[in-house]
């Protein structure tokens, strides 16, 4: 998983600055917890925005990019998944 954390540019409406980038290996169970429909719906109910992009991988049709935005739209986290 490659995780990029972005911070909103105060001068504009749609641009972000890169705050932090990190790569880590996660287990299949952790992946399932991050991309489960119930988890995405729970964060949406809190007021944030959750967008899951799916595509075909070596393990089937899975989420390959998960974009999370905070309720105040100040922080955006993009998680990209690569399957091995």
PDB file of N, CA and C in Angstrom:
ATOM      1  N   UNK A   1       0.849  -1.164   0.000  1.00  0.00           N
ATOM      2  CA  UNK A   1       0.000   0.000   0.000  1.00  0.00           C
ATOM      3  C   UNK A   1       0.898   1.232   0.000  1.00  0.00           C
ATOM      4  N   UNK A   2       0.584   2.166  -0.864  1.00  0.00           N
ATOM      5  CA  UNK A   2       1.271   3.454  -0.890  1.00  0.00           C
ATOM      6  C   UNK A   2       0.285   4.510  -0.413  1.00  0.00           C
ATOM      7  N   UNK A   3       0.626   5.201   0.668  1.00  0.00           N
ATOM      8  CA  UNK A   3      -0.268   6.166   1.298  1.00  0.00           C
ATOM      9  C   UNK A   3       0.290   7.575   1.117  1.00  0.00           C
ATOM     10  N   UNK A   4      -0.525   8.478   0.570  1.00  0.00           N
ATOM     11  CA  UNK A   4      -0.146   9.876   0.390  1.00  0.00           C
ATOM     12  C   UNK A   4      -1.134  10.741   1.155  1.00  0.00           C
ATOM     13  N   UNK A   5      -0.613  11.582   2.029  1.00  0.00           N
ATOM     14  CA  UNK A   5      -1.459  12.489   2.801  1.00  0.00           C
ATOM     15  C   UNK A   5      -1.285  13.894   2.235  1.00  0.00           C
ATOM     16  N   UNK A   6      -2.403  14.529   1.896  1.00  0.00           N
ATOM     17  CA  UNK A   6      -2.381  15.855   1.286  1.00  0.00           C
ATOM     18  C   UNK A   6      -3.050  16.871   2.201  1.00  0.00           C
ATOM     19  N   UNK A   7      -2.507  18.089   2.211  1.00  0.00           N
ATOM     20  CA  UNK A   7      -3.036  19.179   3.024  1.00  0.00           C
ATOM     21  C   UNK A   7      -3.572  20.257   2.094  1.00  0.00           C
ATOM     22  N   UNK A   8      -4.750  20.777   2.367  1.00  0.00           N
ATOM     23  CA  UNK A   8      -5.410  21.756   1.501  1.00  0.00           C
ATOM     24  C   UNK A   8      -4.613  23.049   1.405  1.00  0.00           C
ATOM     25  N   UNK A   9      -4.497  23.559   0.181  1.00  0.00           N
ATOM     26  CA  UNK A   9      -3.875  24.853  -0.063  1.00  0.00           C
ATOM     27  C   UNK A   9      -4.880  25.930   0.335  1.00  0.00           C
ATOM     28  N   UNK A  10      -4.547  26.807   1.286  1.00  0.00           N
ATOM     29  CA  UNK A  10      -5.525  27.797   1.750  1.00  0.00           C
ATOM     30  C   UNK A  10      -5.867  28.867   0.709  1.00  0.00           C
ATOM     31  N   UNK A  11      -5.031  29.013  -0.311  1.00  0.00           N
ATOM     32  CA  UNK A  11      -5.255  30.063  -1.312  1.00  0.00           C
ATOM     33  C   UNK A  11      -6.225  29.659  -2.415  1.00  0.00           C
ATOM     34  N   UNK A  12      -6.450  28.373  -2.599  1.00  0.00           N
ATOM     35  CA  UNK A  12      -7.317  27.920  -3.685  1.00  0.00           C
ATOM     36  C   UNK A  12      -8.358  26.941  -3.157  1.00  0.00           C
ATOM     37  N   UNK A  13      -9.304  26.563  -4.027  1.00  0.00           N
ATOM     38  CA  UNK A  13     -10.361  25.651  -3.620  1.00  0.00           C
ATOM     39  C   UNK A  13     -10.033  24.184  -3.884  1.00  0.00           C
ATOM     40  N   UNK A  14      -9.211  23.912  -4.895  1.00  0.00           N
ATOM     41  CA  UNK A  14      -9.066  22.528  -5.338  1.00  0.00           C
ATOM     42  C   UNK A  14      -7.652  21.970  -5.284  1.00  0.00           C
ATOM     43  N   UNK A  15      -6.659  22.703  -4.843  1.00  0.00           N
ATOM     44  CA  UNK A  15      -5.292  22.175  -4.846  1.00  0.00           C
ATOM     45  C   UNK A  15      -4.856  21.775  -3.444  1.00  0.00           C
ATOM     46  N   UNK A  16      -3.945  20.823  -3.417  1.00  0.00           N
ATOM     47  CA  UNK A  16      -3.432  20.284  -2.162  1.00  0.00           C
ATOM     48  C   UNK A  16      -1.914  20.241  -2.195  1.00  0.00           C
ATOM     49  N   UNK A  17      -1.280  20.317  -1.022  1.00  0.00           N
ATOM     50  CA  UNK A  17       0.152  20.133  -0.854  1.00  0.00           C
ATOM     51  C   UNK A  17       0.396  18.745  -0.296  1.00  0.00           C
ATOM     52  N   UNK A  18       1.485  18.098  -0.726  1.00  0.00           N
ATOM     53  CA  UNK A  18       1.837  16.787  -0.164  1.00  0.00           C
ATOM     54  C   UNK A  18       2.395  16.994   1.232  1.00  0.00           C
ATOM     55  N   UNK A  19       1.778  16.342   2.192  1.00  0.00           N
ATOM     56  CA  UNK A  19       2.205  16.456   3.588  1.00  0.00           C
ATOM     57  C   UNK A  19       3.104  15.283   3.984  1.00  0.00           C
ATOM     58  N   UNK A  20       2.737  14.066   3.537  1.00  0.00           N
ATOM     59  CA  UNK A  20       3.489  12.874   3.925  1.00  0.00           C
ATOM     60  C   UNK A  20       3.242  11.770   2.906  1.00  0.00           C
ATOM     61  N   UNK A  21       4.275  10.970   2.658  1.00  0.00           N
ATOM     62  CA  UNK A  21       4.146   9.795   1.792  1.00  0.00           C
ATOM     63  C   UNK A  21       4.806   8.616   2.490  1.00  0.00           C
ATOM     64  N   UNK A  22       4.175   7.457   2.389  1.00  0.00           N
ATOM     65  CA  UNK A  22       4.718   6.254   3.009  1.00  0.00           C
ATOM     66  C   UNK A  22       4.241   5.026   2.259  1.00  0.00           C
ATOM     67  N   UNK A  23       5.086   4.008   2.251  1.00  0.00           N
ATOM     68  CA  UNK A  23       4.727   2.716   1.667  1.00  0.00           C
ATOM     69  C   UNK A  23       4.881   1.652   2.730  1.00  0.00           C
ATOM     70  N   UNK A  24       3.945   0.713   2.749  1.00  0.00           N
ATOM     71  CA  UNK A  24       4.012  -0.371   3.717  1.00  0.00           C
ATOM     72  C   UNK A  24       3.312  -1.598   3.167  1.00  0.00           C
ATOM     73  N   UNK A  25       3.677  -2.733   3.691  1.00  0.00           N
ATOM     74  CA  UNK A  25       3.022  -3.989   3.328  1.00  0.00           C
ATOM     75  C   UNK A  25       1.912  -4.252   4.336  1.00  0.00           C
ATOM     76  N   UNK A  26       0.747  -4.636   3.826  1.00  0.00           N
ATOM     77  CA  UNK A  26      -0.371  -4.950   4.705  1.00  0.00           C
ATOM     78  C   UNK A  26      -0.874  -6.349   4.369  1.00  0.00           C
ATOM     79  N   UNK A  27      -1.549  -6.930   5.329  1.00  0.00           N
ATOM     80  CA  UNK A  27      -2.093  -8.278   5.133  1.00  0.00           C
ATOM     81  C   UNK A  27      -3.429  -8.196   4.407  1.00  0.00           C
ATOM     82  N   UNK A  28      -3.904  -9.323   3.978  1.00  0.00           N
ATOM     83  CA  UNK A  28      -5.199  -9.400   3.294  1.00  0.00           C
ATOM     84  C   UNK A  28      -6.329  -8.982   4.238  1.00  0.00           C
ATOM     85  N   UNK A  29      -6.216  -9.328   5.520  1.00  0.00           N
ATOM     86  CA  UNK A  29      -7.239  -8.948   6.505  1.00  0.00           C
ATOM     87  C   UNK A  29      -7.286  -7.424   6.682  1.00  0.00           C
ATOM     88  N   UNK A  30      -6.132  -6.785   6.736  1.00  0.00           N
ATOM     89  CA  UNK A  30      -6.094  -5.331   6.855  1.00  0.00           C
ATOM     90  C   UNK A  30      -6.686  -4.668   5.615  1.00  0.00           C
ATOM     91  N   UNK A  31      -6.370  -5.215   4.446  1.00  0.00           N
ATOM     92  CA  UNK A  31      -6.931  -4.700   3.193  1.00  0.00           C
ATOM     93  C   UNK A  31      -8.452  -4.805   3.207  1.00  0.00           C
ATOM     94  N   UNK A  32      -8.959  -5.955   3.632  1.00  0.00           N
ATOM     95  CA  UNK A  32     -10.410  -6.156   3.688  1.00  0.00           C
ATOM     96  C   UNK A  32     -11.076  -5.170   4.644  1.00  0.00           C
ATOM     97  N   UNK A  33     -10.444  -4.883   5.792  1.00  0.00           N
ATOM     98  CA  UNK A  33     -11.012  -3.931   6.749  1.00  0.00           C
ATOM     99  C   UNK A  33     -11.040  -2.515   6.178  1.00  0.00           C
ATOM    100  N   UNK A  34     -10.013  -2.134   5.411  1.00  0.00           N
ATOM    101  CA  UNK A  34      -9.960  -0.796   4.828  1.00  0.00           C
ATOM    102  C   UNK A  34     -10.982  -0.598   3.716  1.00  0.00           C
ATOM    103  N   UNK A  35     -11.239  -1.630   2.937  1.00  0.00           N
ATOM    104  CA  UNK A  35     -12.045  -1.477   1.734  1.00  0.00           C
ATOM    105  C   UNK A  35     -13.459  -2.048   1.845  1.00  0.00           C
ATOM    106  N   UNK A  36     -13.841  -2.532   3.003  1.00  0.00           N
ATOM    107  CA  UNK A  36     -15.174  -3.106   3.203  1.00  0.00           C
ATOM    108  C   UNK A  36     -16.242  -2.020   3.039  1.00  0.00           C
ATOM    109  N   UNK A  37     -17.376  -2.365   2.448  1.00  0.00           N
ATOM    110  CA  UNK A  37     -18.453  -1.404   2.218  1.00  0.00           C
ATOM    111  C   UNK A  37     -18.971  -0.793   3.516  1.00  0.00           C
ATOM    112  N   UNK A  38     -19.042  -1.586   4.586  1.00  0.00           N
ATOM    113  CA  UNK A  38     -19.510  -1.058   5.873  1.00  0.00           C
ATOM    114  C   UNK A  38     -18.565   0.009   6.411  1.00  0.00           C
ATOM    115  N   UNK A  39     -17.260  -0.183   6.231  1.00  0.00           N
ATOM    116  CA  UNK A  39     -16.278   0.792   6.686  1.00  0.00           C
ATOM    117  C   UNK A  39     -16.417   2.094   5.908  1.00  0.00           C
ATOM    118  N   UNK A  40     -16.563   1.993   4.597  1.00  0.00           N
ATOM    119  CA  UNK A  40     -16.713   3.186   3.766  1.00  0.00           C
ATOM    120  C   UNK A  40     -17.989   3.951   4.114  1.00  0.00           C
ATOM    121  N   UNK A  41     -19.086   3.240   4.351  1.00  0.00           N
ATOM    122  CA  UNK A  41     -20.344   3.879   4.715  1.00  0.00           C
ATOM    123  C   UNK A  41     -20.248   4.564   6.076  1.00  0.00           C
ATOM    124  N   UNK A  42     -19.509   3.961   7.013  1.00  0.00           N
ATOM    125  CA  UNK A  42     -19.359   4.536   8.349  1.00  0.00           C
ATOM    126  C   UNK A  42     -18.635   5.878   8.274  1.00  0.00           C
ATOM    127  N   UNK A  43     -17.555   5.943   7.482  1.00  0.00           N
ATOM    128  CA  UNK A  43     -16.830   7.202   7.347  1.00  0.00           C
ATOM    129  C   UNK A  43     -17.667   8.252   6.616  1.00  0.00           C
ATOM    130  N   UNK A  44     -18.483   7.839   5.676  1.00  0.00           N
ATOM    131  CA  UNK A  44     -19.371   8.786   4.985  1.00  0.00           C
ATOM    132  C   UNK A  44     -20.400   9.369   5.957  1.00  0.00           C
ATOM    133  N   UNK A  45     -20.898   8.543   6.881  1.00  0.00           N
ATOM    134  CA  UNK A  45     -21.866   9.029   7.866  1.00  0.00           C
ATOM    135  C   UNK A  45     -21.256  10.049   8.810  1.00  0.00           C
ATOM    136  N   UNK A  46     -19.938   9.983   9.027  1.00  0.00           N
ATOM    137  CA  UNK A  46     -19.256  10.964   9.873  1.00  0.00           C
ATOM    138  C   UNK A  46     -19.133  12.313   9.177  1.00  0.00           C
ATOM    139  N   UNK A  47     -19.346  12.340   7.873  1.00  0.00           N
ATOM    140  CA  UNK A  47     -19.281  13.595   7.137  1.00  0.00           C
ATOM    141  C   UNK A  47     -18.156  13.648   6.132  1.00  0.00           C
ATOM    142  N   UNK A  48     -17.280  12.672   6.147  1.00  0.00           N
ATOM    143  CA  UNK A  48     -16.170  12.643   5.203  1.00  0.00           C
ATOM    144  C   UNK A  48     -16.591  12.090   3.859  1.00  0.00           C
ATOM    145  N   UNK A  49     -15.650  12.056   2.956  1.00  0.00           N
ATOM    146  CA  UNK A  49     -15.901  11.526   1.623  1.00  0.00           C
ATOM    147  C   UNK A  49     -14.986  10.327   1.395  1.00  0.00           C
ATOM    148  N   UNK A  50     -15.545   9.242   0.954  1.00  0.00           N
ATOM    149  CA  UNK A  50     -14.789   8.018   0.671  1.00  0.00           C
ATOM    150  C   UNK A  50     -15.074   7.598  -0.761  1.00  0.00           C
ATOM    151  N   UNK A  51     -14.031   7.491  -1.561  1.00  0.00           N
ATOM    152  CA  UNK A  51     -14.180   7.074  -2.951  1.00  0.00           C
ATOM    153  C   UNK A  51     -13.283   5.877  -3.197  1.00  0.00           C
ATOM    154  N   UNK A  52     -13.850   4.789  -3.674  1.00  0.00           N
ATOM    155  CA  UNK A  52     -13.102   3.570  -3.954  1.00  0.00           C
ATOM    156  C   UNK A  52     -13.106   3.316  -5.457  1.00  0.00           C
ATOM    157  N   UNK A  53     -11.922   3.242  -6.041  1.00  0.00           N
ATOM    158  CA  UNK A  53     -11.798   2.922  -7.461  1.00  0.00           C
ATOM    159  C   UNK A  53     -11.407   1.462  -7.579  1.00  0.00           C
ATOM    160  N   UNK A  54     -12.120   0.743  -8.410  1.00  0.00           N
ATOM    161  CA  UNK A  54     -11.871  -0.677  -8.590  1.00  0.00           C
ATOM    162  C   UNK A  54     -11.349  -0.946  -9.991  1.00  0.00           C
ATOM    163  N   UNK A  55     -10.516  -1.987 -10.103  1.00  0.00           N
ATOM    164  CA  UNK A  55     -10.054  -2.440 -11.417  1.00  0.00           C
ATOM    165  C   UNK A  55      -9.658  -3.907 -11.299  1.00  0.00           C
ATOM    166  N   UNK A  56      -9.414  -4.523 -12.434  1.00  0.00           N
ATOM    167  CA  UNK A  56      -9.041  -5.933 -12.447  1.00  0.00           C
ATOM    168  C   UNK A  56      -7.583  -6.086 -12.059  1.00  0.00           C
ATOM    169  N   UNK A  57      -7.307  -7.008 -11.122  1.00  0.00           N
ATOM    170  CA  UNK A  57      -5.957  -7.289 -10.655  1.00  0.00           C
ATOM    171  C   UNK A  57      -5.714  -8.789 -10.770  1.00  0.00           C
ATOM    172  N   UNK A  58      -4.546  -9.221 -10.322  1.00  0.00           N
ATOM    173  CA  UNK A  58      -4.234 -10.650 -10.339  1.00  0.00           C
ATOM    174  C   UNK A  58      -5.110 -11.427  -9.357  1.00  0.00           C
ATOM    175  N   UNK A  59      -5.769 -10.744  -8.426  1.00  0.00           N
ATOM    176  CA  UNK A  59      -6.669 -11.392  -7.459  1.00  0.00           C
ATOM    177  C   UNK A  59      -8.136 -11.127  -7.740  1.00  0.00           C
ATOM    178  N   UNK A  60      -8.438 -10.613  -8.929  1.00  0.00           N
ATOM    179  CA  UNK A  60      -9.829 -10.360  -9.287  1.00  0.00           C
ATOM    180  C   UNK A  60     -10.128  -8.873  -9.344  1.00  0.00           C
ATOM    181  N   UNK A  61     -11.401  -8.553  -9.270  1.00  0.00           N
ATOM    182  CA  UNK A  61     -11.879  -7.174  -9.359  1.00  0.00           C
ATOM    183  C   UNK A  61     -11.864  -6.579  -7.957  1.00  0.00           C
ATOM    184  N   UNK A  62     -10.830  -5.790  -7.651  1.00  0.00           N
ATOM    185  CA  UNK A  62     -10.623  -5.273  -6.301  1.00  0.00           C
ATOM    186  C   UNK A  62     -10.431  -3.766  -6.304  1.00  0.00           C
ATOM    187  N   UNK A  63     -10.504  -3.182  -5.104  1.00  0.00           N
ATOM    188  CA  UNK A  63     -10.223  -1.757  -4.928  1.00  0.00           C
ATOM    189  C   UNK A  63      -8.721  -1.548  -5.099  1.00  0.00           C
ATOM    190  N   UNK A  64      -8.332  -0.645  -6.012  1.00  0.00           N
ATOM    191  CA  UNK A  64      -6.917  -0.355  -6.233  1.00  0.00           C
ATOM    192  C   UNK A  64      -6.546   1.033  -5.748  1.00  0.00           C
ATOM    193  N   UNK A  65      -7.540   1.919  -5.571  1.00  0.00           N
ATOM    194  CA  UNK A  65      -7.275   3.268  -5.081  1.00  0.00           C
ATOM    195  C   UNK A  65      -8.415   3.690  -4.173  1.00  0.00           C
ATOM    196  N   UNK A  66      -8.072   4.151  -2.984  1.00  0.00           N
ATOM    197  CA  UNK A  66      -9.054   4.587  -1.999  1.00  0.00           C
ATOM    198  C   UNK A  66      -8.732   6.031  -1.618  1.00  0.00           C
ATOM    199  N   UNK A  67      -9.662   6.941  -1.853  1.00  0.00           N
ATOM    200  CA  UNK A  67      -9.460   8.356  -1.557  1.00  0.00           C
ATOM    201  C   UNK A  67     -10.385   8.753  -0.418  1.00  0.00           C
ATOM    202  N   UNK A  68      -9.804   9.259   0.663  1.00  0.00           N
ATOM    203  CA  UNK A  68     -10.565   9.680   1.845  1.00  0.00           C
ATOM    204  C   UNK A  68     -10.354  11.170   2.068  1.00  0.00           C
ATOM    205  N   UNK A  69     -11.446  11.899   2.284  1.00  0.00           N
ATOM    206  CA  UNK A  69     -11.367  13.332   2.541  1.00  0.00           C
ATOM    207  C   UNK A  69     -12.034  13.614   3.876  1.00  0.00           C
ATOM    208  N   UNK A  70     -11.413  14.459   4.691  1.00  0.00           N
ATOM    209  CA  UNK A  70     -11.960  14.787   6.007  1.00  0.00           C
ATOM    210  C   UNK A  70     -13.240  15.610   5.862  1.00  0.00           C
ATOM    211  N   UNK A  71     -14.076  15.645   6.903  1.00  0.00           N
ATOM    212  CA  UNK A  71     -15.337  16.391   6.829  1.00  0.00           C
ATOM    213  C   UNK A  71     -15.153  17.888   6.535  1.00  0.00           C
ATOM    214  N   UNK A  72     -14.062  18.491   6.994  1.00  0.00           N
ATOM    215  CA  UNK A  72     -13.839  19.913   6.721  1.00  0.00           C
ATOM    216  C   UNK A  72     -13.072  20.144   5.418  1.00  0.00           C
ATOM    217  N   UNK A  73     -12.817  19.078   4.668  1.00  0.00           N
ATOM    218  CA  UNK A  73     -12.134  19.100   3.370  1.00  0.00           C
ATOM    219  C   UNK A  73     -10.705  19.637   3.461  1.00  0.00           C
ATOM    220  N   UNK A  74     -10.108  19.596   4.654  1.00  0.00           N
ATOM    221  CA  UNK A  74      -8.748  20.115   4.850  1.00  0.00           C
ATOM    222  C   UNK A  74      -7.665  19.097   4.580  1.00  0.00           C
ATOM    223  N   UNK A  75      -7.965  17.814   4.768  1.00  0.00           N
ATOM    224  CA  UNK A  75      -6.966  16.755   4.594  1.00  0.00           C
ATOM    225  C   UNK A  75      -7.546  15.689   3.680  1.00  0.00           C
ATOM    226  N   UNK A  76      -6.724  15.233   2.757  1.00  0.00           N
ATOM    227  CA  UNK A  76      -7.119  14.163   1.839  1.00  0.00           C
ATOM    228  C   UNK A  76      -6.045  13.077   1.915  1.00  0.00           C
ATOM    229  N   UNK A  77      -6.463  11.835   2.028  1.00  0.00           N
ATOM    230  CA  UNK A  77      -5.543  10.700   2.069  1.00  0.00           C
ATOM    231  C   UNK A  77      -5.856   9.787   0.891  1.00  0.00           C
ATOM    232  N   UNK A  78      -4.814   9.489   0.108  1.00  0.00           N
ATOM    233  CA  UNK A  78      -4.960   8.610  -1.050  1.00  0.00           C
ATOM    234  C   UNK A  78      -4.162   7.343  -0.775  1.00  0.00           C
ATOM    235  N   UNK A  79      -4.842   6.201  -0.828  1.00  0.00           N
ATOM    236  CA  UNK A  79      -4.188   4.909  -0.637  1.00  0.00           C
ATOM    237  C   UNK A  79      -4.248   4.139  -1.954  1.00  0.00           C
ATOM    238  N   UNK A  80      -3.075   3.721  -2.462  1.00  0.00           N
ATOM    239  CA  UNK A  80      -3.017   2.926  -3.689  1.00  0.00           C
ATOM    240  C   UNK A  80      -2.509   1.545  -3.333  1.00  0.00           C
ATOM    241  N   UNK A  81      -3.183   0.540  -3.835  1.00  0.00           N
ATOM    242  CA  UNK A  81      -2.857  -0.840  -3.500  1.00  0.00           C
ATOM    243  C   UNK A  81      -2.252  -1.556  -4.704  1.00  0.00           C
ATOM    244  N   UNK A  82      -1.189  -2.318  -4.440  1.00  0.00           N
ATOM    245  CA  UNK A  82      -0.592  -3.176  -5.456  1.00  0.00           C
ATOM    246  C   UNK A  82      -0.636  -4.594  -4.917  1.00  0.00           C
ATOM    247  N   UNK A  83      -1.043  -5.522  -5.765  1.00  0.00           N
ATOM    248  CA  UNK A  83      -1.205  -6.908  -5.350  1.00  0.00           C
ATOM    249  C   UNK A  83      -0.037  -7.749  -5.846  1.00  0.00           C
ATOM    250  N   UNK A  84       0.404  -8.671  -4.977  1.00  0.00           N
ATOM    251  CA  UNK A  84       1.515  -9.548  -5.341  1.00  0.00           C
ATOM    252  C   UNK A  84       1.098 -10.988  -5.200  1.00  0.00           C
TER     253      UNK A  84
END
